[in-house]
Amino acid sequence: MDQNNVSKRAVWQLIFSAVYLCFFPPILMWLAGDWRWVEGWIFSALFCGLSFAIVFYLYRRDPALLNERFGSPFQKNQKLWDKFLLVIFFLVFVIWYAIMPLDSHGFGWSPRFPIWLELVGALIFTLGFYLLYRAMKENTYAAPVIKMQKERGQTVITTGPYAIVRHPMYTGGTLLLLGGPLLLGSVYGLVVGLLLSLMLALRTFGEESMLRSELAGYEEYRERVRWRLIPYLF
């Protein structure tokens, strides 16, 4: 796809993002059964605002990556195992998003979290989005599916957060998935978030197997940057 077509598609992708993100707050508040839920509005503002900020950044700076991020979750050169994993991940993510308002506010299954813990959750949630932004800023090949992008001249990325861990996007995703339930005060959301985080960690094994065999220089990078997601731990 030539650069002009990519740029034109990026405009529509930006507009689509603005529209579909507007649906998330009403769904959250409807499930909670309380449109005055302060934590719910804070979560929604962070989730929608930071998501759109990243999309807008890609629209301005890297429309080719934005186009990749809007690609089909099932692609011709995508690894077969990744297709199954993404289906499961999407379904569990829907459960994660739905169970938090039901748990913390709709049915009140979880005890009320102290304010300081909710603030810590908001900080972790925001940090997760920041890592996602930094990873996509450094890595124009950060497609949402596991595949080689030979047509785009894919190379090993070693700068920014990639100099610290090999999968900073997954680190950011993990922080997002755990910080959100803390902000909203949901024990069940935290459990589901841990499950999703485990799925992200497992995905790194399959992704690295592909990169080591198909991407020149990745083995040397792997030896230099030892940690997958968390420095000195994993």
C-alpha atoms as a PDB file:
ATOM      1  CA  MET A   1       0.000   0.000   0.000  1.00  0.00           C
ATOM      2  CA  ASP A   2       1.505   3.366  -1.009  1.00  0.00           C
ATOM      3  CA  GLN A   3       2.044   6.209   1.430  1.00  0.00           C
ATOM      4  CA  ASN A   4      -0.912   8.297   0.171  1.00  0.00           C
ATOM      5  CA  ASN A   5      -3.362   5.451   0.684  1.00  0.00           C
ATOM      6  CA  VAL A   6      -1.946   4.748   4.136  1.00  0.00           C
ATOM      7  CA  SER A   7      -2.387   8.405   5.096  1.00  0.00           C
ATOM      8  CA  LYS A   8      -5.981   8.482   3.822  1.00  0.00           C
ATOM      9  CA  ARG A   9      -6.839   5.330   5.754  1.00  0.00           C
ATOM     10  CA  ALA A  10      -5.240   6.829   8.866  1.00  0.00           C
ATOM     11  CA  VAL A  11      -7.769   9.686   8.817  1.00  0.00           C
ATOM     12  CA  TRP A  12     -10.690   7.258   8.879  1.00  0.00           C
ATOM     13  CA  GLN A  13      -8.973   5.144  11.520  1.00  0.00           C
ATOM     14  CA  LEU A  14      -8.618   8.225  13.704  1.00  0.00           C
ATOM     15  CA  ILE A  15     -12.297   9.093  13.281  1.00  0.00           C
ATOM     16  CA  PHE A  16     -13.358   5.495  13.937  1.00  0.00           C
ATOM     17  CA  SER A  17     -11.260   5.414  17.117  1.00  0.00           C
ATOM     18  CA  ALA A  18     -12.898   8.575  18.428  1.00  0.00           C
ATOM     19  CA  VAL A  19     -16.358   7.119  17.791  1.00  0.00           C
ATOM     20  CA  TYR A  20     -15.906   3.608  19.155  1.00  0.00           C
ATOM     21  CA  LEU A  21     -14.110   4.795  22.302  1.00  0.00           C
ATOM     22  CA  CYS A  22     -17.228   6.794  23.173  1.00  0.00           C
ATOM     23  CA  PHE A  23     -19.101   3.532  23.763  1.00  0.00           C
ATOM     24  CA  PHE A  24     -16.843   2.344  26.584  1.00  0.00           C
ATOM     25  CA  PRO A  25     -17.918   4.767  29.384  1.00  0.00           C
ATOM     26  CA  PRO A  26     -21.685   4.179  28.952  1.00  0.00           C
ATOM     27  CA  ILE A  27     -21.159   0.405  28.996  1.00  0.00           C
ATOM     28  CA  LEU A  28     -19.076   0.612  32.174  1.00  0.00           C
ATOM     29  CA  MET A  29     -21.565   2.876  33.944  1.00  0.00           C
ATOM     30  CA  TRP A  30     -24.563   0.830  32.821  1.00  0.00           C
ATOM     31  CA  LEU A  31     -23.005  -2.344  34.216  1.00  0.00           C
ATOM     32  CA  ALA A  32     -22.202  -0.530  37.457  1.00  0.00           C
ATOM     33  CA  GLY A  33     -25.749   0.802  37.701  1.00  0.00           C
ATOM     34  CA  ASP A  34     -24.555   4.213  38.874  1.00  0.00           C
ATOM     35  CA  TRP A  35     -23.825   7.107  36.526  1.00  0.00           C
ATOM     36  CA  ARG A  36     -22.279   9.073  39.414  1.00  0.00           C
ATOM     37  CA  TRP A  37     -19.564   6.500  40.102  1.00  0.00           C
ATOM     38  CA  VAL A  38     -16.422   8.626  40.471  1.00  0.00           C
ATOM     39  CA  GLU A  39     -13.890   5.818  40.018  1.00  0.00           C
ATOM     40  CA  GLY A  40     -15.729   4.675  36.926  1.00  0.00           C
ATOM     41  CA  TRP A  41     -15.456   8.105  35.328  1.00  0.00           C
ATOM     42  CA  ILE A  42     -11.772   8.379  36.243  1.00  0.00           C
ATOM     43  CA  PHE A  43     -11.123   4.952  34.699  1.00  0.00           C
ATOM     44  CA  SER A  44     -13.093   5.906  31.586  1.00  0.00           C
ATOM     45  CA  ALA A  45     -11.277   9.228  31.185  1.00  0.00           C
ATOM     46  CA  LEU A  46      -7.893   7.530  31.449  1.00  0.00           C
ATOM     47  CA  PHE A  47      -8.831   4.553  29.270  1.00  0.00           C
ATOM     48  CA  CYS A  48     -10.459   6.536  26.479  1.00  0.00           C
ATOM     49  CA  GLY A  49      -8.260   9.619  26.672  1.00  0.00           C
ATOM     50  CA  LEU A  50      -4.938   7.762  26.687  1.00  0.00           C
ATOM     51  CA  SER A  51      -6.093   5.262  24.060  1.00  0.00           C
ATOM     52  CA  PHE A  52      -7.044   8.087  21.716  1.00  0.00           C
ATOM     53  CA  ALA A  53      -3.822   9.964  22.488  1.00  0.00           C
ATOM     54  CA  ILE A  54      -1.805   6.951  21.282  1.00  0.00           C
ATOM     55  CA  VAL A  55      -3.948   6.634  18.148  1.00  0.00           C
ATOM     56  CA  PHE A  56      -3.531  10.343  17.464  1.00  0.00           C
ATOM     57  CA  TYR A  57       0.225  10.067  17.896  1.00  0.00           C
ATOM     58  CA  LEU A  58       0.355   7.214  15.371  1.00  0.00           C
ATOM     59  CA  TYR A  59      -1.873   9.182  13.009  1.00  0.00           C
ATOM     60  CA  ARG A  60       0.586  12.080  13.106  1.00  0.00           C
ATOM     61  CA  ARG A  61       3.888  10.202  13.312  1.00  0.00           C
ATOM     62  CA  ASP A  62       3.462   6.626  12.090  1.00  0.00           C
ATOM     63  CA  PRO A  63       0.340   6.013   9.953  1.00  0.00           C
ATOM     64  CA  ALA A  64       1.877   2.762   8.662  1.00  0.00           C
ATOM     65  CA  LEU A  65       1.881   1.326  12.192  1.00  0.00           C
ATOM     66  CA  LEU A  66      -1.625   2.678  12.788  1.00  0.00           C
ATOM     67  CA  ASN A  67      -2.707   0.765   9.694  1.00  0.00           C
ATOM     68  CA  GLU A  68      -1.084  -2.374  11.114  1.00  0.00           C
ATOM     69  CA  ARG A  69      -2.845  -1.888  14.447  1.00  0.00           C
ATOM     70  CA  PHE A  70      -6.183  -1.698  12.628  1.00  0.00           C
ATOM     71  CA  GLY A  71      -5.469  -4.843  10.618  1.00  0.00           C
ATOM     72  CA  SER A  72      -7.518  -8.021  10.870  1.00  0.00           C
ATOM     73  CA  PRO A  73      -6.831 -10.198  13.935  1.00  0.00           C
ATOM     74  CA  PHE A  74      -6.548 -13.101  11.496  1.00  0.00           C
ATOM     75  CA  GLN A  75      -3.959 -12.629   8.761  1.00  0.00           C
ATOM     76  CA  LYS A  76      -2.467 -14.851   6.083  1.00  0.00           C
ATOM     77  CA  ASN A  77       1.116 -14.876   7.375  1.00  0.00           C
ATOM     78  CA  GLN A  78       0.120 -14.901  11.050  1.00  0.00           C
ATOM     79  CA  LYS A  79       1.143 -17.890  13.173  1.00  0.00           C
ATOM     80  CA  LEU A  80      -1.758 -20.330  13.550  1.00  0.00           C
ATOM     81  CA  TRP A  81      -1.358 -20.682  17.311  1.00  0.00           C
ATOM     82  CA  ASP A  82      -1.612 -16.913  17.677  1.00  0.00           C
ATOM     83  CA  LYS A  83      -5.033 -16.872  16.023  1.00  0.00           C
ATOM     84  CA  PHE A  84      -6.417 -19.202  18.688  1.00  0.00           C
ATOM     85  CA  LEU A  85      -4.698 -17.286  21.479  1.00  0.00           C
ATOM     86  CA  LEU A  86      -6.098 -13.946  20.307  1.00  0.00           C
ATOM     87  CA  VAL A  87      -9.658 -15.303  20.262  1.00  0.00           C
ATOM     88  CA  ILE A  88      -9.306 -16.514  23.844  1.00  0.00           C
ATOM     89  CA  PHE A  89      -7.614 -13.286  24.912  1.00  0.00           C
ATOM     90  CA  PHE A  90     -10.380 -11.143  23.402  1.00  0.00           C
ATOM     91  CA  LEU A  91     -13.111 -13.138  25.136  1.00  0.00           C
ATOM     92  CA  VAL A  92     -11.353 -12.968  28.501  1.00  0.00           C
ATOM     93  CA  PHE A  93     -10.716  -9.235  27.990  1.00  0.00           C
ATOM     94  CA  VAL A  94     -14.466  -8.689  27.537  1.00  0.00           C
ATOM     95  CA  ILE A  95     -15.015 -10.566  30.811  1.00  0.00           C
ATOM     96  CA  TRP A  96     -12.353  -8.388  32.468  1.00  0.00           C
ATOM     97  CA  TYR A  97     -14.016  -5.170  31.333  1.00  0.00           C
ATOM     98  CA  ALA A  98     -17.504  -6.340  32.323  1.00  0.00           C
ATOM     99  CA  ILE A  99     -16.749  -7.949  35.652  1.00  0.00           C
ATOM    100  CA  MET A 100     -15.018  -4.921  37.181  1.00  0.00           C
ATOM    101  CA  PRO A 101     -18.088  -2.644  37.375  1.00  0.00           C
ATOM    102  CA  LEU A 102     -20.343  -5.586  38.251  1.00  0.00           C
ATOM    103  CA  ASP A 103     -18.027  -6.690  41.023  1.00  0.00           C
ATOM    104  CA  SER A 104     -17.011  -3.406  42.598  1.00  0.00           C
ATOM    105  CA  HIS A 105     -20.210  -1.410  42.200  1.00  0.00           C
ATOM    106  CA  GLY A 106     -23.081  -3.307  40.586  1.00  0.00           C
ATOM    107  CA  PHE A 107     -23.252  -6.231  43.027  1.00  0.00           C
ATOM    108  CA  GLY A 108     -20.588  -5.195  45.523  1.00  0.00           C
ATOM    109  CA  TRP A 109     -18.903  -8.586  45.667  1.00  0.00           C
ATOM    110  CA  SER A 110     -15.550  -7.052  46.611  1.00  0.00           C
ATOM    111  CA  PRO A 111     -14.956  -5.023  49.767  1.00  0.00           C
ATOM    112  CA  ARG A 112     -14.373  -1.307  49.292  1.00  0.00           C
ATOM    113  CA  PHE A 113     -10.742  -0.607  48.448  1.00  0.00           C
ATOM    114  CA  PRO A 114      -8.967   2.163  50.397  1.00  0.00           C
ATOM    115  CA  ILE A 115      -8.489   5.409  48.494  1.00  0.00           C
ATOM    116  CA  TRP A 116      -4.692   5.087  48.535  1.00  0.00           C
ATOM    117  CA  LEU A 117      -4.928   1.697  46.774  1.00  0.00           C
ATOM    118  CA  GLU A 118      -7.258   3.115  44.120  1.00  0.00           C
ATOM    119  CA  LEU A 119      -4.765   5.952  43.544  1.00  0.00           C
ATOM    120  CA  VAL A 120      -1.947   3.417  43.185  1.00  0.00           C
ATOM    121  CA  GLY A 121      -4.124   1.600  40.656  1.00  0.00           C
ATOM    122  CA  ALA A 122      -4.645   4.812  38.687  1.00  0.00           C
ATOM    123  CA  LEU A 123      -0.888   5.388  38.639  1.00  0.00           C
ATOM    124  CA  ILE A 124      -0.157   1.831  37.480  1.00  0.00           C
ATOM    125  CA  PHE A 125      -2.915   2.082  34.868  1.00  0.00           C
ATOM    126  CA  THR A 126      -1.455   5.313  33.488  1.00  0.00           C
ATOM    127  CA  LEU A 127       2.078   3.911  33.512  1.00  0.00           C
ATOM    128  CA  GLY A 128       0.838   0.962  31.483  1.00  0.00           C
ATOM    129  CA  PHE A 129      -0.440   3.285  28.762  1.00  0.00           C
ATOM    130  CA  TYR A 130       2.825   5.225  28.840  1.00  0.00           C
ATOM    131  CA  LEU A 131       4.805   2.029  28.191  1.00  0.00           C
ATOM    132  CA  LEU A 132       2.476   1.139  25.319  1.00  0.00           C
ATOM    133  CA  TYR A 133       3.115   4.579  23.826  1.00  0.00           C
ATOM    134  CA  ARG A 134       6.881   4.341  24.273  1.00  0.00           C
ATOM    135  CA  ALA A 135       6.972   0.865  22.728  1.00  0.00           C
ATOM    136  CA  MET A 136       5.021   1.973  19.666  1.00  0.00           C
ATOM    137  CA  LYS A 137       7.086   5.140  19.392  1.00  0.00           C
ATOM    138  CA  GLU A 138      10.264   3.058  19.145  1.00  0.00           C
ATOM    139  CA  ASN A 139       8.903   0.079  17.234  1.00  0.00           C
ATOM    140  CA  THR A 140       7.074   0.729  13.979  1.00  0.00           C
ATOM    141  CA  TYR A 141       6.676  -3.046  13.567  1.00  0.00           C
ATOM    142  CA  ALA A 142       4.533  -3.427  16.715  1.00  0.00           C
ATOM    143  CA  ALA A 143       1.687  -5.239  14.959  1.00  0.00           C
ATOM    144  CA  PRO A 144      -1.063  -6.764  17.119  1.00  0.00           C
ATOM    145  CA  VAL A 145      -0.541 -10.210  15.551  1.00  0.00           C
ATOM    146  CA  ILE A 146       2.486 -12.513  15.564  1.00  0.00           C
ATOM    147  CA  LYS A 147       3.953 -12.369  12.071  1.00  0.00           C
ATOM    148  CA  MET A 148       7.070 -11.334  10.197  1.00  0.00           C
ATOM    149  CA  GLN A 149       6.814  -8.048   8.298  1.00  0.00           C
ATOM    150  CA  LYS A 150       9.363  -8.634   5.565  1.00  0.00           C
ATOM    151  CA  GLU A 151       7.474  -6.336   3.210  1.00  0.00           C
ATOM    152  CA  ARG A 152       8.115  -3.474   5.639  1.00  0.00           C
ATOM    153  CA  GLY A 153      11.780  -4.335   6.148  1.00  0.00           C
ATOM    154  CA  GLN A 154      11.398  -5.450   9.768  1.00  0.00           C
ATOM    155  CA  THR A 155      14.528  -5.111  11.888  1.00  0.00           C
ATOM    156  CA  VAL A 156      15.431  -5.665  15.544  1.00  0.00           C
ATOM    157  CA  ILE A 157      14.467  -2.719  17.786  1.00  0.00           C
ATOM    158  CA  THR A 158      16.926  -2.093  20.622  1.00  0.00           C
ATOM    159  CA  THR A 159      16.200   1.492  21.706  1.00  0.00           C
ATOM    160  CA  GLY A 160      13.970   3.045  24.364  1.00  0.00           C
ATOM    161  CA  PRO A 161      12.224   0.493  26.596  1.00  0.00           C
ATOM    162  CA  TYR A 162      13.503  -2.280  24.304  1.00  0.00           C
ATOM    163  CA  ALA A 163      16.942  -1.677  25.812  1.00  0.00           C
ATOM    164  CA  ILE A 164      15.536  -2.806  29.192  1.00  0.00           C
ATOM    165  CA  VAL A 165      13.031  -5.578  28.377  1.00  0.00           C
ATOM    166  CA  ARG A 166      12.350  -7.429  25.134  1.00  0.00           C
ATOM    167  CA  HIS A 167       8.555  -7.030  25.230  1.00  0.00           C
ATOM    168  CA  PRO A 168       7.716  -3.619  26.729  1.00  0.00           C
ATOM    169  CA  MET A 169       4.263  -3.599  25.123  1.00  0.00           C
ATOM    170  CA  TYR A 170       3.336  -6.668  27.121  1.00  0.00           C
ATOM    171  CA  THR A 171       4.773  -5.058  30.237  1.00  0.00           C
ATOM    172  CA  GLY A 172       2.559  -2.041  29.609  1.00  0.00           C
ATOM    173  CA  GLY A 173      -0.433  -4.267  28.931  1.00  0.00           C
ATOM    174  CA  THR A 174       0.152  -6.124  32.190  1.00  0.00           C
ATOM    175  CA  LEU A 175       0.263  -2.882  34.173  1.00  0.00           C
ATOM    176  CA  LEU A 176      -2.940  -1.737  32.482  1.00  0.00           C
ATOM    177  CA  LEU A 177      -4.725  -5.007  33.220  1.00  0.00           C
ATOM    178  CA  LEU A 178      -3.744  -4.946  36.893  1.00  0.00           C
ATOM    179  CA  GLY A 179      -3.982  -1.213  37.532  1.00  0.00           C
ATOM    180  CA  GLY A 180      -7.550  -0.961  36.204  1.00  0.00           C
ATOM    181  CA  PRO A 181      -9.083  -3.349  38.776  1.00  0.00           C
ATOM    182  CA  LEU A 182      -7.187  -1.637  41.588  1.00  0.00           C
ATOM    183  CA  LEU A 183      -8.548   1.740  40.499  1.00  0.00           C
ATOM    184  CA  LEU A 184     -12.100   0.400  40.296  1.00  0.00           C
ATOM    185  CA  GLY A 185     -11.837  -1.722  43.444  1.00  0.00           C
ATOM    186  CA  SER A 186     -12.471  -5.148  41.912  1.00  0.00           C
ATOM    187  CA  VAL A 187     -10.902  -8.338  43.283  1.00  0.00           C
ATOM    188  CA  TYR A 188     -12.484 -10.425  40.517  1.00  0.00           C
ATOM    189  CA  GLY A 189     -11.174  -7.989  37.916  1.00  0.00           C
ATOM    190  CA  LEU A 190      -7.711  -8.387  39.404  1.00  0.00           C
ATOM    191  CA  VAL A 191      -7.957 -12.181  39.113  1.00  0.00           C
ATOM    192  CA  VAL A 192      -9.033 -11.966  35.468  1.00  0.00           C
ATOM    193  CA  GLY A 193      -6.310  -9.375  34.865  1.00  0.00           C
ATOM    194  CA  LEU A 194      -3.730 -11.809  36.244  1.00  0.00           C
ATOM    195  CA  LEU A 195      -5.036 -14.467  33.859  1.00  0.00           C
ATOM    196  CA  LEU A 196      -4.719 -12.099  30.898  1.00  0.00           C
ATOM    197  CA  SER A 197      -1.212 -11.129  32.042  1.00  0.00           C
ATOM    198  CA  LEU A 198      -0.252 -14.796  32.134  1.00  0.00           C
ATOM    199  CA  MET A 199      -1.512 -15.162  28.565  1.00  0.00           C
ATOM    200  CA  LEU A 200       0.678 -12.240  27.497  1.00  0.00           C
ATOM    201  CA  ALA A 201       3.679 -13.839  29.191  1.00  0.00           C
ATOM    202  CA  LEU A 202       3.008 -17.158  27.447  1.00  0.00           C
ATOM    203  CA  ARG A 203       2.690 -15.363  24.113  1.00  0.00           C
ATOM    204  CA  THR A 204       6.266 -14.134  24.398  1.00  0.00           C
ATOM    205  CA  PHE A 205       7.582 -17.701  24.122  1.00  0.00           C
ATOM    206  CA  GLY A 206       5.926 -18.307  20.758  1.00  0.00           C
ATOM    207  CA  GLU A 207       6.824 -14.836  19.504  1.00  0.00           C
ATOM    208  CA  GLU A 208      10.470 -15.219  20.439  1.00  0.00           C
ATOM    209  CA  SER A 209      10.654 -18.628  18.799  1.00  0.00           C
ATOM    210  CA  MET A 210       9.592 -16.973  15.535  1.00  0.00           C
ATOM    211  CA  LEU A 211      11.910 -13.989  15.935  1.00  0.00           C
ATOM    212  CA  ARG A 212      14.945 -16.123  16.767  1.00  0.00           C
ATOM    213  CA  SER A 213      14.503 -18.225  13.649  1.00  0.00           C
ATOM    214  CA  GLU A 214      13.303 -15.576  11.187  1.00  0.00           C
ATOM    215  CA  LEU A 215      14.647 -12.153  12.233  1.00  0.00           C
ATOM    216  CA  ALA A 216      18.346 -11.481  11.702  1.00  0.00           C
ATOM    217  CA  GLY A 217      20.099 -10.187  14.792  1.00  0.00           C
ATOM    218  CA  TYR A 218      17.401 -11.142  17.279  1.00  0.00           C
ATOM    219  CA  GLU A 219      19.439 -13.890  18.930  1.00  0.00           C
ATOM    220  CA  GLU A 220      22.228 -11.423  19.686  1.00  0.00           C
ATOM    221  CA  TYR A 221      19.670  -8.927  21.020  1.00  0.00           C
ATOM    222  CA  ARG A 222      18.157 -11.639  23.217  1.00  0.00           C
ATOM    223  CA  GLU A 223      21.540 -12.405  24.719  1.00  0.00           C
ATOM    224  CA  ARG A 224      22.179  -8.718  25.410  1.00  0.00           C
ATOM    225  CA  VAL A 225      18.744  -7.901  26.895  1.00  0.00           C
ATOM    226  CA  ARG A 226      18.029 -10.775  29.260  1.00  0.00           C
ATOM    227  CA  TRP A 227      14.571  -9.913  30.564  1.00  0.00           C
ATOM    228  CA  ARG A 228      11.282 -10.488  28.729  1.00  0.00           C
ATOM    229  CA  LEU A 229       8.856  -8.362  30.746  1.00  0.00           C
ATOM    230  CA  ILE A 230      10.196  -7.481  34.207  1.00  0.00           C
ATOM    231  CA  PRO A 231      13.862  -6.632  34.882  1.00  0.00           C
ATOM    232  CA  TYR A 232      15.600  -9.130  37.209  1.00  0.00           C
ATOM    233  CA  LEU A 233      12.443 -11.239  37.471  1.00  0.00           C
ATOM    234  CA  PHE A 234      11.163 -12.498  34.088  1.00  0.00           C
END
